[in-house]
Amino acid sequence: MSQLLRTPEFRKASHDAGQMSRERPFDRRRSASAARRGHVHAIDRNAFMRRWSLLMIASFVSREACAVHFSVTFQTACNWFDGMCRPYGDIVDHAMATLPRYAEIMRGR
């Protein structure tokens, strides 16, 4: 004998009688208006990259010194100096703790 697996029936909302999709009682997605509100304070990644590049140029006499200070490859230090890429959070945290001009350059003070 085979047993049939019964699944709960999803009812269509009365105001959306023409809609073909089912209601999702546990839908946790944000509404479009909430998503827009969440991006009011968008981060300008290119501006951060420029400020990071300026910080590297102002703080180190050479790219080699930068690479040694942060324990990264020479190529990574070159990319930071040239403004080609951004660092990871642990590097930024280390810079905040060890570079005296961090606040002046990165926060514009």
PDB file of N, CA and C in Angstrom:
ATOM      1  N   MET A   1       0.834  -1.185   0.000  1.00  0.00           N
ATOM      2  CA  MET A   1       0.000   0.000   0.000  1.00  0.00           C
ATOM      3  C   MET A   1       0.873   1.240   0.000  1.00  0.00           C
ATOM      4  N   SER A   2       0.491   2.148  -0.775  1.00  0.00           N
ATOM      5  CA  SER A   2       1.241   3.394  -0.809  1.00  0.00           C
ATOM      6  C   SER A   2       0.458   4.472  -0.078  1.00  0.00           C
ATOM      7  N   GLN A   3       1.194   5.303   0.630  1.00  0.00           N
ATOM      8  CA  GLN A   3       0.559   6.401   1.342  1.00  0.00           C
ATOM      9  C   GLN A   3       0.854   7.701   0.607  1.00  0.00           C
ATOM     10  N   LEU A   4      -0.124   8.522   0.525  1.00  0.00           N
ATOM     11  CA  LEU A   4       0.045   9.810  -0.127  1.00  0.00           C
ATOM     12  C   LEU A   4       0.514  10.833   0.893  1.00  0.00           C
ATOM     13  N   LEU A   5       1.467  11.620   0.475  1.00  0.00           N
ATOM     14  CA  LEU A   5       1.960  12.699   1.314  1.00  0.00           C
ATOM     15  C   LEU A   5       1.076  13.920   1.085  1.00  0.00           C
ATOM     16  N   ARG A   6       0.521  14.418   2.132  1.00  0.00           N
ATOM     17  CA  ARG A   6      -0.360  15.574   2.008  1.00  0.00           C
ATOM     18  C   ARG A   6       0.413  16.831   2.388  1.00  0.00           C
ATOM     19  N   THR A   7       0.319  17.800   1.542  1.00  0.00           N
ATOM     20  CA  THR A   7       0.948  19.089   1.811  1.00  0.00           C
ATOM     21  C   THR A   7      -0.132  20.109   2.078  1.00  0.00           C
ATOM     22  N   PRO A   8       0.178  21.141   2.872  1.00  0.00           N
ATOM     23  CA  PRO A   8      -0.854  22.137   3.164  1.00  0.00           C
ATOM     24  C   PRO A   8      -1.231  22.911   1.912  1.00  0.00           C
ATOM     25  N   GLU A   9      -2.476  23.238   1.830  1.00  0.00           N
ATOM     26  CA  GLU A   9      -2.978  24.011   0.701  1.00  0.00           C
ATOM     27  C   GLU A   9      -2.739  25.489   0.987  1.00  0.00           C
ATOM     28  N   PHE A  10      -2.214  26.200   0.012  1.00  0.00           N
ATOM     29  CA  PHE A  10      -2.032  27.636   0.142  1.00  0.00           C
ATOM     30  C   PHE A  10      -3.194  28.315  -0.573  1.00  0.00           C
ATOM     31  N   ARG A  11      -3.828  29.240   0.106  1.00  0.00           N
ATOM     32  CA  ARG A  11      -4.967  29.930  -0.471  1.00  0.00           C
ATOM     33  C   ARG A  11      -4.507  31.224  -1.117  1.00  0.00           C
ATOM     34  N   LYS A  12      -5.164  31.569  -2.166  1.00  0.00           N
ATOM     35  CA  LYS A  12      -4.889  32.842  -2.822  1.00  0.00           C
ATOM     36  C   LYS A  12      -5.595  33.954  -2.053  1.00  0.00           C
ATOM     37  N   ALA A  13      -4.948  35.082  -1.999  1.00  0.00           N
ATOM     38  CA  ALA A  13      -5.587  36.226  -1.358  1.00  0.00           C
ATOM     39  C   ALA A  13      -6.796  36.647  -2.175  1.00  0.00           C
ATOM     40  N   SER A  14      -7.833  37.083  -1.492  1.00  0.00           N
ATOM     41  CA  SER A  14      -9.066  37.432  -2.202  1.00  0.00           C
ATOM     42  C   SER A  14      -8.878  38.645  -3.099  1.00  0.00           C
ATOM     43  N   HIS A  15      -7.995  39.574  -2.727  1.00  0.00           N
ATOM     44  CA  HIS A  15      -7.799  40.752  -3.556  1.00  0.00           C
ATOM     45  C   HIS A  15      -6.905  40.468  -4.757  1.00  0.00           C
ATOM     46  N   ASP A  16      -6.188  39.355  -4.764  1.00  0.00           N
ATOM     47  CA  ASP A  16      -5.320  38.980  -5.884  1.00  0.00           C
ATOM     48  C   ASP A  16      -5.823  37.701  -6.544  1.00  0.00           C
ATOM     49  N   ALA A  17      -7.083  37.672  -6.884  1.00  0.00           N
ATOM     50  CA  ALA A  17      -7.668  36.456  -7.432  1.00  0.00           C
ATOM     51  C   ALA A  17      -7.003  36.039  -8.735  1.00  0.00           C
ATOM     52  N   GLY A  18      -6.425  36.974  -9.497  1.00  0.00           N
ATOM     53  CA  GLY A  18      -5.788  36.650 -10.760  1.00  0.00           C
ATOM     54  C   GLY A  18      -4.325  36.245 -10.621  1.00  0.00           C
ATOM     55  N   GLN A  19      -3.753  36.400  -9.439  1.00  0.00           N
ATOM     56  CA  GLN A  19      -2.347  36.084  -9.248  1.00  0.00           C
ATOM     57  C   GLN A  19      -2.147  34.575  -9.204  1.00  0.00           C
ATOM     58  N   MET A  20      -1.126  34.083  -9.899  1.00  0.00           N
ATOM     59  CA  MET A  20      -0.898  32.645  -9.988  1.00  0.00           C
ATOM     60  C   MET A  20       0.024  32.120  -8.884  1.00  0.00           C
ATOM     61  N   SER A  21       0.848  32.986  -8.277  1.00  0.00           N
ATOM     62  CA  SER A  21       1.778  32.496  -7.263  1.00  0.00           C
ATOM     63  C   SER A  21       1.057  32.295  -5.932  1.00  0.00           C
ATOM     64  N   ARG A  22       1.656  31.479  -5.092  1.00  0.00           N
ATOM     65  CA  ARG A  22       1.065  31.189  -3.801  1.00  0.00           C
ATOM     66  C   ARG A  22       1.501  32.223  -2.773  1.00  0.00           C
ATOM     67  N   GLU A  23       0.698  32.351  -1.748  1.00  0.00           N
ATOM     68  CA  GLU A  23       1.095  33.199  -0.633  1.00  0.00           C
ATOM     69  C   GLU A  23       2.255  32.530   0.088  1.00  0.00           C
ATOM     70  N   ARG A  24       3.105  33.329   0.652  1.00  0.00           N
ATOM     71  CA  ARG A  24       4.210  32.781   1.432  1.00  0.00           C
ATOM     72  C   ARG A  24       4.039  33.253   2.868  1.00  0.00           C
ATOM     73  N   PRO A  25       3.532  32.402   3.723  1.00  0.00           N
ATOM     74  CA  PRO A  25       3.252  32.857   5.085  1.00  0.00           C
ATOM     75  C   PRO A  25       4.516  33.198   5.881  1.00  0.00           C
ATOM     76  N   PHE A  26       5.660  32.648   5.506  1.00  0.00           N
ATOM     77  CA  PHE A  26       6.884  32.893   6.260  1.00  0.00           C
ATOM     78  C   PHE A  26       7.929  33.615   5.418  1.00  0.00           C
ATOM     79  N   ASP A  27       7.494  34.481   4.536  1.00  0.00           N
ATOM     80  CA  ASP A  27       8.404  35.226   3.673  1.00  0.00           C
ATOM     81  C   ASP A  27       9.133  36.267   4.507  1.00  0.00           C
ATOM     82  N   ARG A  28      10.481  36.215   4.516  1.00  0.00           N
ATOM     83  CA  ARG A  28      11.260  37.136   5.336  1.00  0.00           C
ATOM     84  C   ARG A  28      12.004  38.169   4.496  1.00  0.00           C
ATOM     85  N   ARG A  29      11.673  38.280   3.221  1.00  0.00           N
ATOM     86  CA  ARG A  29      12.326  39.280   2.387  1.00  0.00           C
ATOM     87  C   ARG A  29      11.873  40.668   2.788  1.00  0.00           C
ATOM     88  N   ARG A  30      12.751  41.643   2.567  1.00  0.00           N
ATOM     89  CA  ARG A  30      12.409  43.025   2.863  1.00  0.00           C
ATOM     90  C   ARG A  30      11.569  43.595   1.741  1.00  0.00           C
ATOM     91  N   SER A  31      10.705  44.505   2.103  1.00  0.00           N
ATOM     92  CA  SER A  31       9.898  45.168   1.083  1.00  0.00           C
ATOM     93  C   SER A  31      10.793  46.109   0.283  1.00  0.00           C
ATOM     94  N   ALA A  32      10.313  46.545  -0.862  1.00  0.00           N
ATOM     95  CA  ALA A  32      11.095  47.445  -1.711  1.00  0.00           C
ATOM     96  C   ALA A  32      11.373  48.760  -0.996  1.00  0.00           C
ATOM     97  N   SER A  33      10.406  49.273  -0.257  1.00  0.00           N
ATOM     98  CA  SER A  33      10.626  50.538   0.448  1.00  0.00           C
ATOM     99  C   SER A  33      11.647  50.370   1.575  1.00  0.00           C
ATOM    100  N   ALA A  34      11.632  49.221   2.256  1.00  0.00           N
ATOM    101  CA  ALA A  34      12.619  48.976   3.309  1.00  0.00           C
ATOM    102  C   ALA A  34      14.014  48.828   2.719  1.00  0.00           C
ATOM    103  N   ALA A  35      14.121  48.221   1.561  1.00  0.00           N
ATOM    104  CA  ALA A  35      15.428  48.082   0.909  1.00  0.00           C
ATOM    105  C   ALA A  35      15.980  49.445   0.518  1.00  0.00           C
ATOM    106  N   ARG A  36      15.118  50.329   0.054  1.00  0.00           N
ATOM    107  CA  ARG A  36      15.576  51.687  -0.300  1.00  0.00           C
ATOM    108  C   ARG A  36      16.030  52.433   0.943  1.00  0.00           C
ATOM    109  N   ARG A  37      15.298  52.298   2.037  1.00  0.00           N
ATOM    110  CA  ARG A  37      15.688  52.981   3.277  1.00  0.00           C
ATOM    111  C   ARG A  37      17.018  52.455   3.785  1.00  0.00           C
ATOM    112  N   GLY A  38      17.305  51.201   3.556  1.00  0.00           N
ATOM    113  CA  GLY A  38      18.547  50.604   4.027  1.00  0.00           C
ATOM    114  C   GLY A  38      19.775  51.104   3.293  1.00  0.00           C
ATOM    115  N   HIS A  39      19.600  51.730   2.139  1.00  0.00           N
ATOM    116  CA  HIS A  39      20.744  52.196   1.355  1.00  0.00           C
ATOM    117  C   HIS A  39      20.866  53.712   1.335  1.00  0.00           C
ATOM    118  N   VAL A  40      20.267  54.366   2.311  1.00  0.00           N
ATOM    119  CA  VAL A  40      20.358  55.822   2.382  1.00  0.00           C
ATOM    120  C   VAL A  40      21.792  56.247   2.631  1.00  0.00           C
ATOM    121  N   HIS A  41      22.497  55.517   3.480  1.00  0.00           N
ATOM    122  CA  HIS A  41      23.864  55.855   3.848  1.00  0.00           C
ATOM    123  C   HIS A  41      24.839  54.950   3.101  1.00  0.00           C
ATOM    124  N   ALA A  42      24.790  54.995   1.803  1.00  0.00           N
ATOM    125  CA  ALA A  42      25.637  54.134   0.982  1.00  0.00           C
ATOM    126  C   ALA A  42      27.105  54.525   1.139  1.00  0.00           C
ATOM    127  N   ILE A  43      27.972  53.540   1.085  1.00  0.00           N
ATOM    128  CA  ILE A  43      29.404  53.752   1.215  1.00  0.00           C
ATOM    129  C   ILE A  43      29.976  54.063  -0.162  1.00  0.00           C
ATOM    130  N   ASP A  44      30.791  55.091  -0.227  1.00  0.00           N
ATOM    131  CA  ASP A  44      31.469  55.433  -1.471  1.00  0.00           C
ATOM    132  C   ASP A  44      32.791  54.669  -1.499  1.00  0.00           C
ATOM    133  N   ARG A  45      32.786  53.520  -2.134  1.00  0.00           N
ATOM    134  CA  ARG A  45      33.959  52.651  -2.133  1.00  0.00           C
ATOM    135  C   ARG A  45      35.147  53.271  -2.860  1.00  0.00           C
ATOM    136  N   ASN A  46      34.878  54.016  -3.917  1.00  0.00           N
ATOM    137  CA  ASN A  46      35.974  54.649  -4.651  1.00  0.00           C
ATOM    138  C   ASN A  46      36.634  55.739  -3.829  1.00  0.00           C
ATOM    139  N   ALA A  47      35.841  56.486  -3.060  1.00  0.00           N
ATOM    140  CA  ALA A  47      36.419  57.519  -2.192  1.00  0.00           C
ATOM    141  C   ALA A  47      37.272  56.878  -1.105  1.00  0.00           C
ATOM    142  N   PHE A  48      36.799  55.752  -0.552  1.00  0.00           N
ATOM    143  CA  PHE A  48      37.598  55.049   0.451  1.00  0.00           C
ATOM    144  C   PHE A  48      38.916  54.594  -0.160  1.00  0.00           C
ATOM    145  N   MET A  49      38.882  54.075  -1.364  1.00  0.00           N
ATOM    146  CA  MET A  49      40.097  53.590  -2.020  1.00  0.00           C
ATOM    147  C   MET A  49      41.085  54.735  -2.241  1.00  0.00           C
ATOM    148  N   ARG A  50      40.587  55.893  -2.625  1.00  0.00           N
ATOM    149  CA  ARG A  50      41.480  57.051  -2.810  1.00  0.00           C
ATOM    150  C   ARG A  50      42.106  57.477  -1.489  1.00  0.00           C
ATOM    151  N   ARG A  51      41.296  57.543  -0.432  1.00  0.00           N
ATOM    152  CA  ARG A  51      41.834  57.934   0.880  1.00  0.00           C
ATOM    153  C   ARG A  51      42.829  56.902   1.393  1.00  0.00           C
ATOM    154  N   TRP A  52      42.557  55.618   1.166  1.00  0.00           N
ATOM    155  CA  TRP A  52      43.489  54.570   1.593  1.00  0.00           C
ATOM    156  C   TRP A  52      44.815  54.720   0.857  1.00  0.00           C
ATOM    157  N   SER A  53      44.759  54.999  -0.416  1.00  0.00           N
ATOM    158  CA  SER A  53      45.971  55.203  -1.197  1.00  0.00           C
ATOM    159  C   SER A  53      46.774  56.385  -0.648  1.00  0.00           C
ATOM    160  N   LEU A  54      46.089  57.478  -0.345  1.00  0.00           N
ATOM    161  CA  LEU A  54      46.773  58.641   0.239  1.00  0.00           C
ATOM    162  C   LEU A  54      47.399  58.311   1.585  1.00  0.00           C
ATOM    163  N   LEU A  55      46.696  57.512   2.393  1.00  0.00           N
ATOM    164  CA  LEU A  55      47.230  57.099   3.690  1.00  0.00           C
ATOM    165  C   LEU A  55      48.500  56.275   3.519  1.00  0.00           C
ATOM    166  N   MET A  56      48.507  55.364   2.552  1.00  0.00           N
ATOM    167  CA  MET A  56      49.697  54.544   2.325  1.00  0.00           C
ATOM    168  C   MET A  56      50.876  55.402   1.868  1.00  0.00           C
ATOM    169  N   ILE A  57      50.618  56.333   0.972  1.00  0.00           N
ATOM    170  CA  ILE A  57      51.682  57.203   0.456  1.00  0.00           C
ATOM    171  C   ILE A  57      52.231  58.089   1.572  1.00  0.00           C
ATOM    172  N   ALA A  58      51.339  58.610   2.434  1.00  0.00           N
ATOM    173  CA  ALA A  58      51.769  59.496   3.507  1.00  0.00           C
ATOM    174  C   ALA A  58      52.459  58.761   4.655  1.00  0.00           C
ATOM    175  N   SER A  59      52.150  57.486   4.835  1.00  0.00           N
ATOM    176  CA  SER A  59      52.640  56.759   6.007  1.00  0.00           C
ATOM    177  C   SER A  59      53.911  55.956   5.775  1.00  0.00           C
ATOM    178  N   PHE A  60      54.215  55.618   4.536  1.00  0.00           N
ATOM    179  CA  PHE A  60      55.351  54.732   4.278  1.00  0.00           C
ATOM    180  C   PHE A  60      56.282  55.348   3.241  1.00  0.00           C
ATOM    181  N   VAL A  61      57.591  55.137   3.458  1.00  0.00           N
ATOM    182  CA  VAL A  61      58.575  55.674   2.519  1.00  0.00           C
ATOM    183  C   VAL A  61      58.646  54.838   1.252  1.00  0.00           C
ATOM    184  N   SER A  62      58.244  53.583   1.348  1.00  0.00           N
ATOM    185  CA  SER A  62      58.288  52.716   0.168  1.00  0.00           C
ATOM    186  C   SER A  62      57.163  51.691   0.233  1.00  0.00           C
ATOM    187  N   ARG A  63      56.919  51.070  -0.888  1.00  0.00           N
ATOM    188  CA  ARG A  63      55.902  50.014  -0.963  1.00  0.00           C
ATOM    189  C   ARG A  63      56.355  48.777  -0.200  1.00  0.00           C
ATOM    190  N   GLU A  64      57.655  48.554  -0.173  1.00  0.00           N
ATOM    191  CA  GLU A  64      58.188  47.419   0.577  1.00  0.00           C
ATOM    192  C   GLU A  64      57.912  47.579   2.073  1.00  0.00           C
ATOM    193  N   ALA A  65      58.103  48.801   2.576  1.00  0.00           N
ATOM    194  CA  ALA A  65      57.846  49.057   3.998  1.00  0.00           C
ATOM    195  C   ALA A  65      56.371  48.831   4.335  1.00  0.00           C
ATOM    196  N   CYS A  66      55.500  49.226   3.436  1.00  0.00           N
ATOM    197  CA  CYS A  66      54.062  49.000   3.619  1.00  0.00           C
ATOM    198  C   CYS A  66      53.755  47.505   3.661  1.00  0.00           C
ATOM    199  N   ALA A  67      54.326  46.755   2.726  1.00  0.00           N
ATOM    200  CA  ALA A  67      54.088  45.309   2.666  1.00  0.00           C
ATOM    201  C   ALA A  67      54.562  44.620   3.938  1.00  0.00           C
ATOM    202  N   VAL A  68      55.718  45.034   4.454  1.00  0.00           N
ATOM    203  CA  VAL A  68      56.247  44.437   5.684  1.00  0.00           C
ATOM    204  C   VAL A  68      55.371  44.807   6.878  1.00  0.00           C
ATOM    205  N   HIS A  69      54.945  46.052   6.958  1.00  0.00           N
ATOM    206  CA  HIS A  69      54.131  46.515   8.087  1.00  0.00           C
ATOM    207  C   HIS A  69      52.818  45.733   8.207  1.00  0.00           C
ATOM    208  N   PHE A  70      52.172  45.481   7.093  1.00  0.00           N
ATOM    209  CA  PHE A  70      50.876  44.800   7.105  1.00  0.00           C
ATOM    210  C   PHE A  70      50.971  43.297   6.829  1.00  0.00           C
ATOM    211  N   SER A  71      52.181  42.784   6.624  1.00  0.00           N
ATOM    212  CA  SER A  71      52.389  41.353   6.321  1.00  0.00           C
ATOM    213  C   SER A  71      51.582  40.926   5.101  1.00  0.00           C
ATOM    214  N   VAL A  72      51.692  41.722   4.033  1.00  0.00           N
ATOM    215  CA  VAL A  72      51.023  41.391   2.772  1.00  0.00           C
ATOM    216  C   VAL A  72      52.084  41.302   1.683  1.00  0.00           C
ATOM    217  N   THR A  73      51.679  40.865   0.507  1.00  0.00           N
ATOM    218  CA  THR A  73      52.632  40.756  -0.588  1.00  0.00           C
ATOM    219  C   THR A  73      52.988  42.142  -1.121  1.00  0.00           C
ATOM    220  N   PHE A  74      54.105  42.212  -1.794  1.00  0.00           N
ATOM    221  CA  PHE A  74      54.540  43.465  -2.410  1.00  0.00           C
ATOM    222  C   PHE A  74      53.501  43.938  -3.420  1.00  0.00           C
ATOM    223  N   GLN A  75      52.909  43.016  -4.168  1.00  0.00           N
ATOM    224  CA  GLN A  75      51.901  43.375  -5.168  1.00  0.00           C
ATOM    225  C   GLN A  75      50.675  44.005  -4.513  1.00  0.00           C
ATOM    226  N   THR A  76      50.269  43.485  -3.361  1.00  0.00           N
ATOM    227  CA  THR A  76      49.135  44.074  -2.648  1.00  0.00           C
ATOM    228  C   THR A  76      49.447  45.498  -2.232  1.00  0.00           C
ATOM    229  N   ALA A  77      50.647  45.712  -1.704  1.00  0.00           N
ATOM    230  CA  ALA A  77      51.055  47.067  -1.318  1.00  0.00           C
ATOM    231  C   ALA A  77      51.072  47.991  -2.535  1.00  0.00           C
ATOM    232  N   CYS A  78      51.561  47.497  -3.661  1.00  0.00           N
ATOM    233  CA  CYS A  78      51.556  48.303  -4.893  1.00  0.00           C
ATOM    234  C   CYS A  78      50.132  48.670  -5.298  1.00  0.00           C
ATOM    235  N   ASN A  79      49.221  47.719  -5.194  1.00  0.00           N
ATOM    236  CA  ASN A  79      47.819  47.987  -5.537  1.00  0.00           C
ATOM    237  C   ASN A  79      47.215  49.040  -4.613  1.00  0.00           C
ATOM    238  N   TRP A  80      47.563  49.006  -3.332  1.00  0.00           N
ATOM    239  CA  TRP A  80      47.071  50.013  -2.401  1.00  0.00           C
ATOM    240  C   TRP A  80      47.642  51.382  -2.743  1.00  0.00           C
ATOM    241  N   PHE A  81      48.926  51.452  -3.032  1.00  0.00           N
ATOM    242  CA  PHE A  81      49.557  52.727  -3.376  1.00  0.00           C
ATOM    243  C   PHE A  81      48.935  53.312  -4.644  1.00  0.00           C
ATOM    244  N   ASP A  82      48.628  52.459  -5.597  1.00  0.00           N
ATOM    245  CA  ASP A  82      48.072  52.916  -6.876  1.00  0.00           C
ATOM    246  C   ASP A  82      46.559  53.096  -6.846  1.00  0.00           C
ATOM    247  N   GLY A  83      45.914  52.757  -5.725  1.00  0.00           N
ATOM    248  CA  GLY A  83      44.463  52.895  -5.624  1.00  0.00           C
ATOM    249  C   GLY A  83      43.712  51.888  -6.469  1.00  0.00           C
ATOM    250  N   MET A  84      44.250  50.689  -6.598  1.00  0.00           N
ATOM    251  CA  MET A  84      43.626  49.666  -7.446  1.00  0.00           C
ATOM    252  C   MET A  84      42.703  48.723  -6.667  1.00  0.00           C
ATOM    253  N   CYS A  85      42.912  48.598  -5.355  1.00  0.00           N
ATOM    254  CA  CYS A  85      42.060  47.706  -4.571  1.00  0.00           C
ATOM    255  C   CYS A  85      41.992  48.200  -3.129  1.00  0.00           C
ATOM    256  N   ARG A  86      41.018  47.671  -2.388  1.00  0.00           N
ATOM    257  CA  ARG A  86      40.803  48.050  -1.001  1.00  0.00           C
ATOM    258  C   ARG A  86      41.258  46.917  -0.090  1.00  0.00           C
ATOM    259  N   PRO A  87      41.630  47.247   1.150  1.00  0.00           N
ATOM    260  CA  PRO A  87      42.061  46.217   2.098  1.00  0.00           C
ATOM    261  C   PRO A  87      40.874  45.531   2.776  1.00  0.00           C
ATOM    262  N   TYR A  88      41.159  44.408   3.427  1.00  0.00           N
ATOM    263  CA  TYR A  88      40.169  43.725   4.260  1.00  0.00           C
ATOM    264  C   TYR A  88      40.075  44.436   5.607  1.00  0.00           C
ATOM    265  N   GLY A  89      39.067  44.105   6.358  1.00  0.00           N
ATOM    266  CA  GLY A  89      38.806  44.762   7.640  1.00  0.00           C
ATOM    267  C   GLY A  89      39.924  44.621   8.652  1.00  0.00           C
ATOM    268  N   ASP A  90      40.572  43.465   8.718  1.00  0.00           N
ATOM    269  CA  ASP A  90      41.639  43.293   9.699  1.00  0.00           C
ATOM    270  C   ASP A  90      42.819  44.216   9.403  1.00  0.00           C
ATOM    271  N   ILE A  91      43.061  44.497   8.139  1.00  0.00           N
ATOM    272  CA  ILE A  91      44.137  45.412   7.762  1.00  0.00           C
ATOM    273  C   ILE A  91      43.762  46.838   8.165  1.00  0.00           C
ATOM    274  N   VAL A  92      42.508  47.218   7.939  1.00  0.00           N
ATOM    275  CA  VAL A  92      42.047  48.550   8.322  1.00  0.00           C
ATOM    276  C   VAL A  92      42.140  48.716   9.835  1.00  0.00           C
ATOM    277  N   ASP A  93      41.766  47.685  10.572  1.00  0.00           N
ATOM    278  CA  ASP A  93      41.856  47.727  12.030  1.00  0.00           C
ATOM    279  C   ASP A  93      43.305  47.910  12.478  1.00  0.00           C
ATOM    280  N   HIS A  94      44.222  47.191  11.849  1.00  0.00           N
ATOM    281  CA  HIS A  94      45.649  47.324  12.172  1.00  0.00           C
ATOM    282  C   HIS A  94      46.140  48.733  11.841  1.00  0.00           C
ATOM    283  N   ALA A  95      45.684  49.283  10.733  1.00  0.00           N
ATOM    284  CA  ALA A  95      46.076  50.639  10.347  1.00  0.00           C
ATOM    285  C   ALA A  95      45.555  51.658  11.359  1.00  0.00           C
ATOM    286  N   MET A  96      44.333  51.484  11.817  1.00  0.00           N
ATOM    287  CA  MET A  96      43.768  52.396  12.810  1.00  0.00           C
ATOM    288  C   MET A  96      44.593  52.405  14.089  1.00  0.00           C
ATOM    289  N   ALA A  97      45.086  51.233  14.470  1.00  0.00           N
ATOM    290  CA  ALA A  97      45.836  51.109  15.716  1.00  0.00           C
ATOM    291  C   ALA A  97      47.284  51.567  15.593  1.00  0.00           C
ATOM    292  N   THR A  98      47.868  51.525  14.397  1.00  0.00           N
ATOM    293  CA  THR A  98      49.307  51.754  14.282  1.00  0.00           C
ATOM    294  C   THR A  98      49.716  52.981  13.483  1.00  0.00           C
ATOM    295  N   LEU A  99      48.852  53.515  12.662  1.00  0.00           N
ATOM    296  CA  LEU A  99      49.241  54.658  11.831  1.00  0.00           C
ATOM    297  C   LEU A  99      48.713  55.953  12.445  1.00  0.00           C
ATOM    298  N   PRO A 100      49.612  56.861  12.820  1.00  0.00           N
ATOM    299  CA  PRO A 100      49.193  58.073  13.523  1.00  0.00           C
ATOM    300  C   PRO A 100      48.336  59.018  12.689  1.00  0.00           C
ATOM    301  N   ARG A 101      48.440  58.994  11.382  1.00  0.00           N
ATOM    302  CA  ARG A 101      47.679  59.922  10.534  1.00  0.00           C
ATOM    303  C   ARG A 101      46.387  59.301  10.002  1.00  0.00           C
ATOM    304  N   TYR A 102      46.004  58.153  10.524  1.00  0.00           N
ATOM    305  CA  TYR A 102      44.805  57.472  10.036  1.00  0.00           C
ATOM    306  C   TYR A 102      43.569  58.383  10.114  1.00  0.00           C
ATOM    307  N   ALA A 103      43.294  58.925  11.303  1.00  0.00           N
ATOM    308  CA  ALA A 103      42.090  59.740  11.489  1.00  0.00           C
ATOM    309  C   ALA A 103      42.119  60.976  10.600  1.00  0.00           C
ATOM    310  N   GLU A 104      43.268  61.591  10.500  1.00  0.00           N
ATOM    311  CA  GLU A 104      43.396  62.811   9.691  1.00  0.00           C
ATOM    312  C   GLU A 104      43.073  62.547   8.226  1.00  0.00           C
ATOM    313  N   ILE A 105      43.596  61.470   7.677  1.00  0.00           N
ATOM    314  CA  ILE A 105      43.427  61.203   6.249  1.00  0.00           C
ATOM    315  C   ILE A 105      42.120  60.472   5.952  1.00  0.00           C
ATOM    316  N   MET A 106      41.801  59.452   6.712  1.00  0.00           N
ATOM    317  CA  MET A 106      40.638  58.633   6.389  1.00  0.00           C
ATOM    318  C   MET A 106      39.317  59.312   6.775  1.00  0.00           C
ATOM    319  N   ARG A 107      39.325  60.111   7.806  1.00  0.00           N
ATOM    320  CA  ARG A 107      38.091  60.784   8.221  1.00  0.00           C
ATOM    321  C   ARG A 107      38.050  62.225   7.781  1.00  0.00           C
ATOM    322  N   GLY A 108      39.107  62.684   7.150  1.00  0.00           N
ATOM    323  CA  GLY A 108      39.132  64.042   6.645  1.00  0.00           C
ATOM    324  C   GLY A 108      39.343  65.100   7.711  1.00  0.00           C
ATOM    325  N   ARG A 109      39.998  64.727   8.819  1.00  0.00           N
ATOM    326  CA  ARG A 109      40.224  65.686   9.899  1.00  0.00           C
ATOM    327  C   ARG A 109      41.610  66.257   9.852  1.00  0.00           C
TER     328      ARG A 109
END
